[in-house]
C-alpha atoms as a PDB file:
ATOM      1  CA  MET A   1       0.071   0.084   0.035  1.00  0.00           C
ATOM      2  CA  LYS A   2       2.920   2.365   0.752  1.00  0.00           C
ATOM      3  CA  THR A   3       4.391   1.653  -2.774  1.00  0.00           C
ATOM      4  CA  LEU A   4       1.138   2.453  -4.346  1.00  0.00           C
ATOM      5  CA  ALA A   5       0.770   5.803  -2.299  1.00  0.00           C
ATOM      6  CA  LEU A   6       4.402   6.744  -3.480  1.00  0.00           C
ATOM      7  CA  ILE A   7       3.788   5.809  -7.063  1.00  0.00           C
ATOM      8  CA  ALA A   8       0.558   7.973  -6.968  1.00  0.00           C
ATOM      9  CA  ALA A   9       2.364  10.941  -5.214  1.00  0.00           C
ATOM     10  CA  LEU A  10       5.204  10.883  -7.786  1.00  0.00           C
ATOM     11  CA  GLY A  11       2.781  10.593 -10.694  1.00  0.00           C
ATOM     12  CA  ILE A  12       0.880  13.639  -9.455  1.00  0.00           C
ATOM     13  CA  LEU A  13       4.115  15.593  -9.050  1.00  0.00           C
ATOM     14  CA  PHE A  14       5.334  14.515 -12.448  1.00  0.00           C
ATOM     15  CA  ALA A  15       1.954  15.573 -13.953  1.00  0.00           C
ATOM     16  CA  ALA A  16       2.010  18.903 -12.199  1.00  0.00           C
ATOM     17  CA  ALA A  17       5.576  19.469 -13.486  1.00  0.00           C
ATOM     18  CA  VAL A  18       4.611  18.632 -17.173  1.00  0.00           C
ATOM     19  CA  ILE A  19       1.417  20.971 -16.890  1.00  0.00           C
ATOM     20  CA  PHE A  20       3.635  23.800 -15.541  1.00  0.00           C
ATOM     21  CA  ALA A  21       6.235  23.373 -18.202  1.00  0.00           C
ATOM     22  CA  ALA A  22       3.566  23.202 -20.963  1.00  0.00           C
ATOM     23  CA  ARG A  23       1.873  26.270 -19.738  1.00  0.00           C
ATOM     24  CA  SER A  24       5.262  28.145 -19.522  1.00  0.00           C
ATOM     25  CA  TRP A  25       6.236  27.133 -23.067  1.00  0.00           C
ATOM     26  CA  PHE A  26       2.960  28.124 -24.694  1.00  0.00           C
ATOM     27  CA  SER A  27       2.841  31.500 -22.758  1.00  0.00           C
ATOM     28  CA  LEU A  28       6.026  32.359 -24.654  1.00  0.00           C
ATOM     29  CA  ALA A  29       4.327  32.030 -28.010  1.00  0.00           C
ATOM     30  CA  GLY A  30       5.273  35.404 -29.395  1.00  0.00           C
ATOM     31  CA  VAL A  31       8.950  35.159 -28.331  1.00  0.00           C
ATOM     32  CA  GLU A  32      11.541  34.464 -31.196  1.00  0.00           C
ATOM     33  CA  THR A  33      14.226  32.049 -30.352  1.00  0.00           C
ATOM     34  CA  SER A  34      17.595  32.018 -32.312  1.00  0.00           C
ATOM     35  CA  ILE A  35      19.464  29.059 -33.619  1.00  0.00           C
ATOM     36  CA  HIS A  36      22.018  29.735 -30.855  1.00  0.00           C
ATOM     37  CA  MET A  37      19.495  28.960 -28.248  1.00  0.00           C
ATOM     38  CA  TRP A  38      18.597  25.617 -29.842  1.00  0.00           C
ATOM     39  CA  ILE A  39      22.250  24.618 -30.416  1.00  0.00           C
ATOM     40  CA  ALA A  40      22.902  25.384 -26.585  1.00  0.00           C
ATOM     41  CA  LEU A  41      19.750  23.373 -25.608  1.00  0.00           C
ATOM     42  CA  VAL A  42      20.624  20.306 -27.673  1.00  0.00           C
ATOM     43  CA  ALA A  43      24.282  20.464 -26.599  1.00  0.00           C
ATOM     44  CA  GLY A  44      23.389  20.854 -22.890  1.00  0.00           C
ATOM     45  CA  ALA A  45      20.848  18.021 -22.968  1.00  0.00           C
ATOM     46  CA  SER A  46      23.176  15.783 -24.776  1.00  0.00           C
ATOM     47  CA  VAL A  47      26.121  16.418 -22.509  1.00  0.00           C
ATOM     48  CA  SER A  48      23.973  15.790 -19.506  1.00  0.00           C
ATOM     49  CA  PHE A  49      22.666  12.634 -20.890  1.00  0.00           C
ATOM     50  CA  LEU A  50      26.040  11.320 -21.797  1.00  0.00           C
ATOM     51  CA  LEU A  51      27.462  12.278 -18.460  1.00  0.00           C
ATOM     52  CA  GLY A  52      24.763  10.478 -16.557  1.00  0.00           C
ATOM     53  CA  ALA A  53      25.136   7.295 -18.862  1.00  0.00           C
ATOM     54  CA  GLY A  54      28.891   7.436 -18.421  1.00  0.00           C
ATOM     55  CA  LEU A  55      28.701   7.598 -14.654  1.00  0.00           C
ATOM     56  CA  MET A  56      26.132   4.768 -14.594  1.00  0.00           C
ATOM     57  CA  ALA A  57      28.366   2.609 -16.697  1.00  0.00           C
ATOM     58  CA  LEU A  58      31.305   3.318 -14.481  1.00  0.00           C
ATOM     59  CA  SER A  59      29.208   2.383 -11.420  1.00  0.00           C
ATOM     60  CA  PHE A  60      28.084  -0.898 -12.889  1.00  0.00           C
ATOM     61  CA  HIS A  61      31.757  -1.648 -14.087  1.00  0.00           C
ATOM     62  CA  SER A  62      33.128  -0.880 -10.539  1.00  0.00           C
ATOM     63  CA  HIS A  63      30.515  -3.156  -8.914  1.00  0.00           C
ATOM     64  CA  LYS A  64      30.960  -6.048 -11.459  1.00  0.00           C
ATOM     65  CA  HIS A  65      34.804  -6.096 -10.796  1.00  0.00           C
ATOM     66  CA  GLY A  66      34.764  -5.890  -7.057  1.00  0.00           C
ATOM     67  CA  HIS A  67      36.039  -2.239  -6.758  1.00  0.00           C
ATOM     68  CA  ASP A  68      33.249  -1.538  -4.278  1.00  0.00           C
ATOM     69  CA  ASP A  69      34.040  -4.413  -2.025  1.00  0.00           C
ATOM     70  CA  ILE A  70      35.180  -3.730   1.542  1.00  0.00           C
ATOM     71  CA  ASP A  71      38.691  -5.009   2.290  1.00  0.00           C
ATOM     72  CA  VAL A  72      39.068  -6.414   5.648  1.00  0.00           C
ATOM     73  CA  ARG A  73      42.839  -6.720   6.702  1.00  0.00           C
ATOM     74  CA  GLU A  74      43.653  -8.489   9.809  1.00  0.00           C
ATOM     75  CA  GLY A  75      47.118  -8.148  11.149  1.00  0.00           C
END
């Protein structure tokens, strides 16, 4: 039951964020955007996605090869 409530709450927050973003986007209907803005938007989103994917790949690689294991040294 707690899981269902968490999923519902996150779904409502996501829907609210999408509605807010859509209303904000459409309220700027008369604003001209240059090609530089679109290039910056695509470049920023691409770099963020690649950085996230790279860090996740490093995390899985580290776990798979035992770099995250705790060494217990007795001596």
